[in-house]
Amino acid sequence: MTNQENTVAVVMVPFPAQGHLNQLLHLCRFILSYGIPVHYVGTSTHNRQAKARVQGWDPLAVASFHFHDCQVPPFSCPPPNPDATIKFPSHLQPCFDACWHLRKPVAQLLGTLSSRARKVIIIHDSMMGSVVQDVGSIPNAESYALHTVSAFTLFFFMWESMGKPQVDAEIPDVPSLEGCFTKDFSDFIAMQHKYLNVNAGSIYNTSKVIEGTYLELLREHIRGRQHWALGPLNPLRVPEKNSSSGSRHHCLEWLDKQAINSVLYVSFGTTTTMGDEQIQELAIGLRRSNQKFIWVLRDADRGDVFNGEVRSPEIPKGYDDSAKDKGLVVRDWAPQLEILAHAAIGGFVSHCGWNSCMESITMGVPIGAWPMHSDQPRNAVLITKLLKVGITVRDWAHRDDIVTAALVENAVRRLMASKEGDEVRKRAAELGGAVRQSVGEGEIFSEEWDSFITHIIR
């Protein structure tokens, strides 16, 4: 057997939304560190997006991955709607639907690689099952689903679909899924999940230290396949400077001048669009709280983040000037991981997307939970009620109400300047420390990774 024929090739198929592109890109980095070639498959726009937003490691390392830019028929996404009742980014649905057309190029790539390599491993986002459905017809290929949500959220989804059987664990009250997704996207999830039965195993972006109980419950209830908790996938130590260019985002220079734990970071991710009235209330509440802050104020990503005019949300006239001693409003893409890793950050008002939760936990930063849609309301329960590393800013039951400036001010002070906030910050620091420690040599994390790599190259 030649060396070429003895190789294992890994093919990554991400879902075309930032939080998903990001997790699979981080996964590539780990797999490549074992000397296994990695192929990352997507549309040219989404591959470019993934590369442009790399955080926490040298973007030059991306050059070692094989990117496959696939063509899909043109699609048109409307702009995000700040006044939508359901905050899920329904404007991206045409983009999600267009990914059906990746099935053919993915099948062709698998065919080509399977003739050259001893084994082809496909790792796909759990919401891209339809795209990799042809894996079953390739004898030397096997597929694994990456679940990009928390084990907690995934367990409840599965447990409810099974009729809530008796389990040997604490089952907290969680909000229903009402208001979390549009009907179109709920149908999309159900359709994608039909294809998961061909998988040889499941991968989770989490850690036993964070969600051991719920990982165990998933193992018990999803039999017949293997499970690996390979998270956190985000880097845990962020380099001081971007080694390829030496440049840093201007907000990091501002943070360098602030005291430890003194700054609140406010960001609602890449799929949230706030209405103008809510933005005004948030702006006033932040200023009145008298706490230092960095606020990333931008609309949800469009289907093509490099094209089209982006709405610039309105803040009160003269706000930048009146708040300049206290805060910084960032209107472009911000390096969240580097911000959270900065010693000056003492709290994070967040939508509780799973990437943001994992990044905040690993950096030991407590969360002010303000969920918007999708898995976020349930992640907020995990953060505030079970892990106790956050407080509630906006309860999901009141999702249709404007969060007033007074409520914002009160929540910010609770998180940043109260005994309760200090206790939550202490717990967040302890959990972050435990997670980082678990990544040490021979600890839980590397055992899971070694087990996974040993399995796929067997």
Protein backbone atom coordinates (compact mmCIF):
# COMPACT_ATOMS: atom_id res chain seq x y z
CA MET A 1 0.00 0.00 0.00
CA THR A 2 1.44 3.40 -0.92
CA ASN A 3 1.55 6.16 1.65
CA GLN A 4 -1.19 7.97 -0.30
CA GLU A 5 -3.48 4.94 -0.14
CA ASN A 6 -2.84 4.56 3.58
CA THR A 7 -4.08 8.04 4.43
CA VAL A 8 -7.29 9.13 6.07
CA ALA A 9 -8.89 12.28 4.66
CA VAL A 10 -11.37 14.38 6.64
CA VAL A 11 -14.11 16.39 4.91
CA MET A 12 -15.87 19.16 6.83
CA VAL A 13 -19.36 20.29 5.76
CA PRO A 14 -20.48 23.34 7.79
CA PHE A 15 -23.90 24.98 7.96
CA PRO A 16 -23.79 28.46 6.37
CA ALA A 17 -24.19 30.67 9.47
CA GLN A 18 -21.29 32.27 11.34
CA GLY A 19 -21.58 30.33 14.62
CA HIS A 20 -21.56 27.06 12.67
CA LEU A 21 -18.82 27.94 10.15
CA ASN A 22 -16.67 28.93 13.10
CA GLN A 23 -17.00 25.68 15.09
CA LEU A 24 -16.05 23.47 12.13
CA LEU A 25 -13.11 25.72 11.27
CA HIS A 26 -11.80 25.34 14.83
CA LEU A 27 -12.32 21.57 14.52
CA CYS A 28 -10.14 21.58 11.35
CA ARG A 29 -7.27 23.08 13.35
CA PHE A 30 -7.33 20.27 15.92
CA ILE A 31 -7.56 17.48 13.34
CA LEU A 32 -4.74 18.98 11.29
CA SER A 33 -2.56 18.98 14.43
CA TYR A 34 -2.73 15.15 14.27
CA GLY A 35 -1.27 15.28 10.75
CA ILE A 36 -4.56 14.41 9.02
CA PRO A 37 -5.45 16.37 5.85
CA VAL A 38 -8.62 18.42 6.11
CA HIS A 39 -11.05 19.53 3.37
CA TYR A 40 -13.54 22.32 4.16
CA VAL A 41 -16.52 22.47 1.80
CA GLY A 42 -18.92 25.36 1.27
CA THR A 43 -19.95 28.14 -1.06
CA SER A 44 -17.14 30.53 -2.00
CA THR A 45 -18.82 33.32 -0.01
CA HIS A 46 -19.15 31.26 3.18
CA ASN A 47 -15.60 29.90 2.93
CA ARG A 48 -14.35 33.47 2.56
CA GLN A 49 -16.47 34.52 5.55
CA ALA A 50 -15.08 31.71 7.73
CA LYS A 51 -11.49 32.66 6.87
CA ALA A 52 -12.04 36.41 7.29
CA ARG A 53 -13.36 36.01 10.83
CA VAL A 54 -10.81 33.58 12.30
CA GLN A 55 -10.12 34.49 15.93
CA GLY A 56 -7.69 33.41 18.58
CA TRP A 57 -5.13 31.77 16.29
CA ASP A 58 -2.95 32.73 13.36
CA PRO A 59 -5.10 33.11 10.22
CA LEU A 60 -2.10 31.91 8.20
CA ALA A 61 -2.74 28.43 9.64
CA VAL A 62 -5.92 28.36 7.53
CA ALA A 63 -3.69 28.08 4.46
CA SER A 64 -3.02 24.44 5.42
CA PHE A 65 -6.69 23.47 4.94
CA HIS A 66 -8.04 22.48 1.52
CA PHE A 67 -10.97 24.83 0.87
CA HIS A 68 -13.47 23.69 -1.77
CA ASP A 69 -15.51 26.60 -3.13
CA CYS A 70 -18.74 25.12 -4.50
CA GLN A 71 -21.26 26.90 -6.68
CA VAL A 72 -24.94 27.02 -5.77
CA PRO A 73 -27.65 28.74 -7.85
CA PRO A 74 -27.99 32.46 -7.05
CA PHE A 75 -30.35 33.21 -4.18
CA SER A 76 -31.65 36.47 -2.81
CA CYS A 77 -31.98 37.20 0.91
CA PRO A 78 -34.14 40.10 2.10
CA PRO A 79 -32.59 42.43 4.71
CA PRO A 80 -33.05 41.46 8.39
CA ASN A 81 -36.37 42.62 9.82
CA PRO A 82 -35.92 44.41 13.18
CA ASP A 83 -39.70 44.38 13.75
CA ALA A 84 -40.29 40.64 13.25
CA THR A 85 -42.31 39.03 16.07
CA ILE A 86 -40.09 35.93 16.02
CA LYS A 87 -36.47 37.09 16.21
CA PHE A 88 -35.09 34.05 14.38
CA PRO A 89 -33.17 35.30 11.27
CA SER A 90 -35.80 34.20 8.74
CA HIS A 91 -34.12 36.44 6.13
CA LEU A 92 -31.37 33.76 5.88
CA GLN A 93 -33.77 30.93 4.95
CA PRO A 94 -33.10 31.28 1.16
CA CYS A 95 -29.40 30.84 1.93
CA PHE A 96 -30.06 27.71 4.04
CA ASP A 97 -32.31 26.27 1.33
CA ALA A 98 -29.71 26.92 -1.38
CA CYS A 99 -27.32 24.56 0.39
CA TRP A 100 -29.36 21.61 -0.92
CA HIS A 101 -27.31 22.16 -4.05
CA LEU A 102 -24.07 21.27 -2.25
CA ARG A 103 -25.08 17.59 -2.29
CA LYS A 104 -23.74 16.94 -5.78
CA PRO A 105 -20.30 18.62 -5.41
CA VAL A 106 -19.87 16.98 -1.97
CA ALA A 107 -20.67 13.54 -3.44
CA GLN A 108 -18.15 14.16 -6.24
CA LEU A 109 -15.45 15.19 -3.76
CA LEU A 110 -16.12 12.11 -1.60
CA GLY A 111 -15.88 9.91 -4.69
CA THR A 112 -12.54 11.45 -5.70
CA LEU A 113 -11.05 11.23 -2.19
CA SER A 114 -12.32 7.69 -1.59
CA SER A 115 -10.38 6.46 -4.63
CA ARG A 116 -7.15 7.95 -3.26
CA ALA A 117 -7.37 7.50 0.50
CA ARG A 118 -7.77 4.40 2.62
CA LYS A 119 -10.67 6.04 4.45
CA VAL A 120 -12.74 9.20 4.12
CA ILE A 121 -14.26 10.73 7.26
CA ILE A 122 -17.08 13.26 6.83
CA ILE A 123 -17.78 15.58 9.75
CA HIS A 124 -20.89 17.61 9.00
CA ASP A 125 -23.03 20.07 10.87
CA SER A 126 -26.09 18.21 12.14
CA MET A 127 -28.17 20.58 9.98
CA MET A 128 -26.42 19.49 6.78
CA GLY A 129 -27.54 15.84 6.83
CA SER A 130 -29.22 16.06 3.41
CA VAL A 131 -25.98 17.30 1.80
CA VAL A 132 -23.94 14.26 2.92
CA GLN A 133 -26.65 11.63 2.41
CA ASP A 134 -24.62 9.84 -0.31
CA VAL A 135 -21.95 8.75 2.17
CA GLY A 136 -23.76 5.41 2.58
CA SER A 137 -22.91 4.43 -1.01
CA ILE A 138 -19.14 4.85 -0.49
CA PRO A 139 -17.67 1.72 1.13
CA ASN A 140 -14.62 3.38 2.71
CA ALA A 141 -16.42 6.48 4.02
CA GLU A 142 -18.20 7.18 7.30
CA SER A 143 -19.89 10.29 8.66
CA TYR A 144 -20.12 12.02 12.03
CA ALA A 145 -22.52 14.81 12.99
CA LEU A 146 -21.23 17.84 14.88
CA HIS A 147 -23.95 19.21 17.16
CA THR A 148 -23.25 22.92 17.51
CA VAL A 149 -25.67 23.43 20.41
CA SER A 150 -25.27 22.56 24.09
CA ALA A 151 -25.74 18.96 25.26
CA PHE A 152 -28.36 20.39 27.65
CA THR A 153 -30.44 21.82 24.79
CA LEU A 154 -29.97 18.74 22.63
CA PHE A 155 -31.01 16.43 25.46
CA PHE A 156 -34.27 18.33 26.00
CA PHE A 157 -35.04 18.30 22.30
CA MET A 158 -34.57 14.52 22.22
CA TRP A 159 -36.26 13.85 25.59
CA GLU A 160 -39.40 15.78 24.58
CA SER A 161 -39.58 14.01 21.22
CA MET A 162 -39.46 10.66 23.11
CA GLY A 163 -42.43 11.65 25.32
CA LYS A 164 -40.39 12.74 28.39
CA PRO A 165 -39.35 9.32 29.77
CA GLN A 166 -38.20 8.95 33.38
CA VAL A 167 -34.50 9.80 33.76
CA ASP A 168 -32.08 9.63 36.63
CA ALA A 169 -31.10 13.32 36.73
CA GLU A 170 -32.33 16.74 37.73
CA ILE A 171 -34.72 18.00 35.06
CA PRO A 172 -35.15 21.75 35.46
CA ASP A 173 -38.04 23.69 33.97
CA VAL A 174 -37.12 24.89 30.50
CA PRO A 175 -39.09 27.20 28.23
CA SER A 176 -41.06 25.65 25.39
CA LEU A 177 -39.77 26.11 21.84
CA GLU A 178 -42.58 28.54 21.08
CA GLY A 179 -41.16 31.70 19.52
CA CYS A 180 -37.71 30.14 19.05
CA PHE A 181 -37.92 29.28 15.34
CA THR A 182 -39.98 30.12 12.27
CA LYS A 183 -42.12 27.28 10.91
CA ASP A 184 -39.92 27.13 7.80
CA PHE A 185 -36.82 26.55 9.89
CA SER A 186 -38.52 24.02 12.21
CA ASP A 187 -39.44 22.03 9.09
CA PHE A 188 -35.87 22.41 7.84
CA ILE A 189 -34.45 20.96 11.12
CA ALA A 190 -36.89 18.03 11.06
CA MET A 191 -35.95 17.24 7.48
CA GLN A 192 -32.20 17.39 8.15
CA HIS A 193 -32.48 15.18 11.23
CA LYS A 194 -34.02 12.39 9.11
CA TYR A 195 -30.59 11.86 7.56
CA LEU A 196 -28.69 11.50 10.85
CA ASN A 197 -29.37 7.75 11.18
CA VAL A 198 -26.50 7.02 8.77
CA ASN A 199 -23.98 8.59 11.15
CA ALA A 200 -21.34 6.50 12.86
CA GLY A 201 -21.17 8.90 15.80
CA SER A 202 -21.90 12.31 17.31
CA ILE A 203 -19.50 15.11 18.23
CA TYR A 204 -20.34 17.88 20.68
CA ASN A 205 -18.75 21.29 21.18
CA THR A 206 -18.82 21.00 24.94
CA SER A 207 -16.93 19.41 27.77
CA LYS A 208 -17.69 16.92 30.54
CA VAL A 209 -16.61 19.60 33.02
CA ILE A 210 -19.47 21.83 31.85
CA GLU A 211 -22.21 19.37 30.87
CA GLY A 212 -21.18 15.90 32.07
CA THR A 213 -24.70 14.98 33.27
CA TYR A 214 -26.38 15.79 29.96
CA LEU A 215 -23.65 14.17 27.86
CA GLU A 216 -24.21 10.99 29.88
CA LEU A 217 -27.98 11.19 29.32
CA LEU A 218 -27.43 11.56 25.57
CA ARG A 219 -25.17 8.50 25.57
CA GLU A 220 -27.81 6.51 27.44
CA HIS A 221 -30.66 7.50 25.14
CA ILE A 222 -28.93 7.51 21.76
CA ARG A 223 -27.54 4.00 21.56
CA GLY A 224 -25.82 2.33 18.64
CA ARG A 225 -23.38 5.14 17.95
CA GLN A 226 -20.37 6.70 19.65
CA HIS A 227 -20.24 10.08 21.31
CA TRP A 228 -17.33 12.49 21.81
CA ALA A 229 -17.32 15.81 23.68
CA LEU A 230 -14.47 17.56 21.86
CA GLY A 231 -15.08 21.09 23.14
CA PRO A 232 -14.29 23.77 23.79
CA LEU A 233 -13.41 24.14 20.11
CA ASN A 234 -12.47 27.81 20.51
CA PRO A 235 -8.84 28.55 21.49
CA LEU A 236 -8.34 28.95 25.24
CA ARG A 237 -5.25 31.10 25.08
CA VAL A 238 -5.52 34.04 22.76
CA PRO A 239 -2.26 35.50 21.42
CA GLU A 240 -1.62 39.10 22.41
CA LYS A 241 -1.23 40.24 18.82
CA ASN A 242 -2.28 38.90 15.45
CA SER A 243 1.09 37.39 14.49
CA SER A 244 0.58 37.72 10.73
CA SER A 245 0.05 41.48 10.72
CA GLY A 246 0.73 42.74 14.24
CA SER A 247 -2.52 44.75 14.09
CA ARG A 248 -5.17 44.77 16.80
CA HIS A 249 -8.74 45.95 16.79
CA HIS A 250 -9.02 49.49 18.20
CA CYS A 251 -11.31 48.31 21.02
CA LEU A 252 -8.48 46.16 22.44
CA GLU A 253 -6.23 49.22 22.66
CA TRP A 254 -9.04 50.95 24.58
CA LEU A 255 -9.40 47.94 26.91
CA ASP A 256 -5.67 48.05 27.70
CA LYS A 257 -6.30 51.35 29.53
CA GLN A 258 -9.11 49.97 31.75
CA ALA A 259 -8.94 48.33 35.18
CA ILE A 260 -9.29 44.55 35.63
CA ASN A 261 -12.92 43.28 35.51
CA SER A 262 -14.21 46.84 35.08
CA VAL A 263 -15.72 46.66 31.57
CA LEU A 264 -19.01 45.12 30.44
CA TYR A 265 -19.05 43.59 26.95
CA VAL A 266 -22.43 43.80 25.16
CA SER A 267 -23.05 41.81 21.99
CA PHE A 268 -25.96 39.85 20.56
CA GLY A 269 -24.16 37.75 17.97
CA THR A 270 -24.44 37.54 14.20
CA THR A 271 -28.14 36.60 13.87
CA THR A 272 -29.86 39.25 16.01
CA THR A 273 -31.45 42.44 14.70
CA MET A 274 -32.84 44.86 17.30
CA GLY A 275 -35.55 47.42 16.68
CA ASP A 276 -34.73 51.12 17.10
CA GLU A 277 -36.86 51.54 20.24
CA GLN A 278 -35.03 48.70 22.00
CA ILE A 279 -31.65 50.08 20.93
CA GLN A 280 -32.53 53.50 22.42
CA GLU A 281 -33.52 51.93 25.76
CA LEU A 282 -30.38 49.80 25.85
CA ALA A 283 -28.22 52.85 25.06
CA ILE A 284 -29.76 54.93 27.84
CA GLY A 285 -29.60 52.05 30.35
CA LEU A 286 -25.91 51.44 29.66
CA ARG A 287 -25.06 55.12 30.10
CA ARG A 288 -27.10 55.43 33.31
CA SER A 289 -25.53 52.33 34.86
CA ASN A 290 -22.28 54.29 35.17
CA GLN A 291 -20.29 51.17 34.26
CA LYS A 292 -17.67 51.03 31.53
CA PHE A 293 -18.79 49.10 28.44
CA ILE A 294 -17.98 47.95 24.92
CA TRP A 295 -21.18 47.58 22.90
CA VAL A 296 -21.09 45.85 19.52
CA LEU A 297 -24.04 47.37 17.69
CA ARG A 298 -24.64 45.81 14.29
CA ASP A 299 -27.44 44.16 12.34
CA ALA A 300 -27.67 40.43 11.78
CA ASP A 301 -25.44 38.98 9.05
CA ARG A 302 -26.90 38.96 5.55
CA GLY A 303 -26.82 35.92 3.26
CA ASP A 304 -23.63 37.41 1.78
CA VAL A 305 -21.75 39.39 4.44
CA PHE A 306 -19.55 41.03 1.78
CA ASN A 307 -22.40 42.46 -0.27
CA GLY A 308 -25.31 44.84 0.12
CA GLU A 309 -25.95 47.87 2.25
CA VAL A 310 -26.12 47.22 5.98
CA ARG A 311 -28.60 49.14 8.13
CA SER A 312 -26.86 51.28 10.71
CA PRO A 313 -29.02 51.12 13.85
CA GLU A 314 -29.89 54.52 15.35
CA ILE A 315 -28.61 55.50 18.78
CA PRO A 316 -29.54 58.73 20.61
CA LYS A 317 -28.04 61.85 18.96
CA GLY A 318 -24.66 62.71 20.43
CA TYR A 319 -24.51 59.39 22.32
CA ASP A 320 -20.97 58.49 21.26
CA ASP A 321 -19.71 61.79 22.67
CA SER A 322 -21.78 61.74 25.85
CA ALA A 323 -20.72 58.16 26.66
CA LYS A 324 -17.12 58.35 25.43
CA ASP A 325 -15.52 58.39 28.91
CA LYS A 326 -17.52 55.32 29.88
CA GLY A 327 -18.10 53.33 26.76
CA LEU A 328 -17.21 52.40 23.24
CA VAL A 329 -19.80 51.61 20.55
CA VAL A 330 -18.34 49.28 17.89
CA ARG A 331 -20.30 49.13 14.64
CA ASP A 332 -18.15 46.69 12.67
CA TRP A 333 -17.12 43.07 13.18
CA ALA A 334 -15.47 42.77 16.61
CA PRO A 335 -12.99 40.08 17.75
CA GLN A 336 -15.21 38.63 20.48
CA LEU A 337 -12.82 35.94 21.69
CA GLU A 338 -10.00 38.44 22.12
CA ILE A 339 -12.33 40.85 23.92
CA LEU A 340 -13.56 38.15 26.34
CA ALA A 341 -9.96 37.04 26.98
CA HIS A 342 -8.96 40.58 28.01
CA ALA A 343 -8.40 41.07 31.75
CA ALA A 344 -10.47 44.28 31.74
CA ILE A 345 -13.70 42.44 30.84
CA GLY A 346 -15.82 41.64 33.90
CA GLY A 347 -19.16 40.64 32.33
CA PHE A 348 -20.90 39.86 29.05
CA VAL A 349 -24.51 40.80 28.18
CA SER A 350 -25.25 38.09 25.62
CA HIS A 351 -27.97 36.46 23.54
CA CYS A 352 -26.63 33.10 24.83
CA GLY A 353 -25.80 31.57 21.47
CA TRP A 354 -23.75 28.46 22.19
CA ASN A 355 -20.50 29.82 20.71
CA SER A 356 -20.79 32.90 22.92
CA CYS A 357 -21.59 30.78 25.99
CA MET A 358 -18.58 28.52 25.41
CA GLU A 359 -16.23 31.44 24.76
CA SER A 360 -17.47 33.26 27.87
CA ILE A 361 -17.21 30.14 30.07
CA THR A 362 -13.69 29.29 28.88
CA MET A 363 -12.52 32.86 29.50
CA GLY A 364 -14.15 32.86 32.96
CA VAL A 365 -16.53 35.76 32.19
CA PRO A 366 -20.05 35.79 33.74
CA ILE A 367 -23.07 36.31 31.47
CA GLY A 368 -26.07 38.61 31.59
CA ALA A 369 -28.55 36.42 29.71
CA TRP A 370 -30.79 38.07 27.10
CA PRO A 371 -31.90 35.26 24.76
CA MET A 372 -33.36 36.10 21.34
CA HIS A 373 -34.29 32.85 19.50
CA SER A 374 -33.26 29.26 18.63
CA ASP A 375 -31.49 27.35 21.44
CA GLN A 376 -30.73 30.56 23.33
CA PRO A 377 -33.64 30.53 25.86
CA ARG A 378 -32.62 27.04 27.02
CA ASN A 379 -28.92 27.91 27.09
CA ALA A 380 -29.89 30.82 29.35
CA VAL A 381 -31.42 28.33 31.84
CA LEU A 382 -28.19 26.28 31.79
CA ILE A 383 -26.06 29.42 32.37
CA THR A 384 -28.17 31.04 35.10
CA LYS A 385 -29.91 28.16 36.92
CA LEU A 386 -27.60 25.15 36.63
CA LEU A 387 -24.07 26.44 36.15
CA LYS A 388 -24.90 29.65 38.05
CA VAL A 389 -22.37 31.65 36.03
CA GLY A 390 -24.82 34.31 34.92
CA ILE A 391 -27.86 36.42 35.78
CA THR A 392 -31.06 37.00 33.81
CA VAL A 393 -31.35 40.34 32.01
CA ARG A 394 -34.51 39.56 30.04
CA ASP A 395 -36.67 36.58 30.95
CA TRP A 396 -37.84 34.62 27.89
CA ALA A 397 -41.44 34.77 29.13
CA HIS A 398 -41.30 38.56 28.53
CA ARG A 399 -39.70 38.32 25.09
CA ASP A 400 -42.38 40.47 23.46
CA ASP A 401 -41.79 43.39 25.86
CA ILE A 402 -39.23 46.16 25.40
CA VAL A 403 -36.45 45.90 27.99
CA THR A 404 -36.56 49.42 29.43
CA ALA A 405 -33.55 51.57 30.24
CA ALA A 406 -34.33 51.08 33.96
CA LEU A 407 -34.24 47.27 33.59
CA VAL A 408 -30.96 47.46 31.63
CA GLU A 409 -29.41 49.77 34.23
CA ASN A 410 -30.46 47.49 37.08
CA ALA A 411 -29.17 44.31 35.37
CA VAL A 412 -25.82 45.92 34.50
CA ARG A 413 -25.30 47.07 38.08
CA ARG A 414 -26.26 43.63 39.42
CA LEU A 415 -23.69 41.98 37.14
CA MET A 416 -20.89 44.53 37.46
CA ALA A 417 -21.27 46.27 40.82
CA SER A 418 -23.01 44.07 43.41
CA LYS A 419 -22.28 41.23 45.80
CA GLU A 420 -24.41 38.94 43.60
CA GLY A 421 -22.30 39.92 40.59
CA ASP A 422 -19.07 39.26 42.47
CA GLU A 423 -20.27 35.76 43.41
CA VAL A 424 -21.32 34.96 39.85
CA ARG A 425 -17.95 36.28 38.57
CA LYS A 426 -16.12 34.08 41.09
CA ARG A 427 -18.05 30.98 39.94
CA ALA A 428 -17.42 31.87 36.28
CA ALA A 429 -13.69 32.20 36.97
CA GLU A 430 -13.67 28.81 38.76
CA LEU A 431 -15.56 27.05 35.97
CA GLY A 432 -13.33 28.65 33.33
CA GLY A 433 -10.26 27.51 35.28
CA ALA A 434 -11.61 23.95 35.54
CA VAL A 435 -12.31 23.82 31.79
CA ARG A 436 -8.84 25.15 30.92
CA GLN A 437 -7.25 22.69 33.33
CA SER A 438 -9.16 19.79 31.72
CA VAL A 439 -7.39 20.55 28.46
CA GLY A 440 -4.03 19.76 30.07
CA GLU A 441 -2.02 16.70 29.06
CA GLY A 442 -3.77 13.42 29.89
CA GLU A 443 -6.86 15.15 31.27
CA ILE A 444 -10.48 14.65 30.13
CA PHE A 445 -10.17 16.74 26.99
CA SER A 446 -7.16 15.09 25.40
CA GLU A 447 -8.54 11.65 26.31
CA GLU A 448 -11.71 12.46 24.33
CA TRP A 449 -9.63 13.78 21.42
CA ASP A 450 -7.26 10.81 21.42
CA SER A 451 -10.22 8.45 21.54
CA PHE A 452 -11.84 10.18 18.56
CA ILE A 453 -8.68 10.30 16.43
CA THR A 454 -7.83 6.67 17.27
CA HIS A 455 -11.36 5.72 16.20
CA ILE A 456 -11.37 7.51 12.84
CA ILE A 457 -7.90 6.28 11.75
CA ARG A 458 -8.45 2.67 12.87
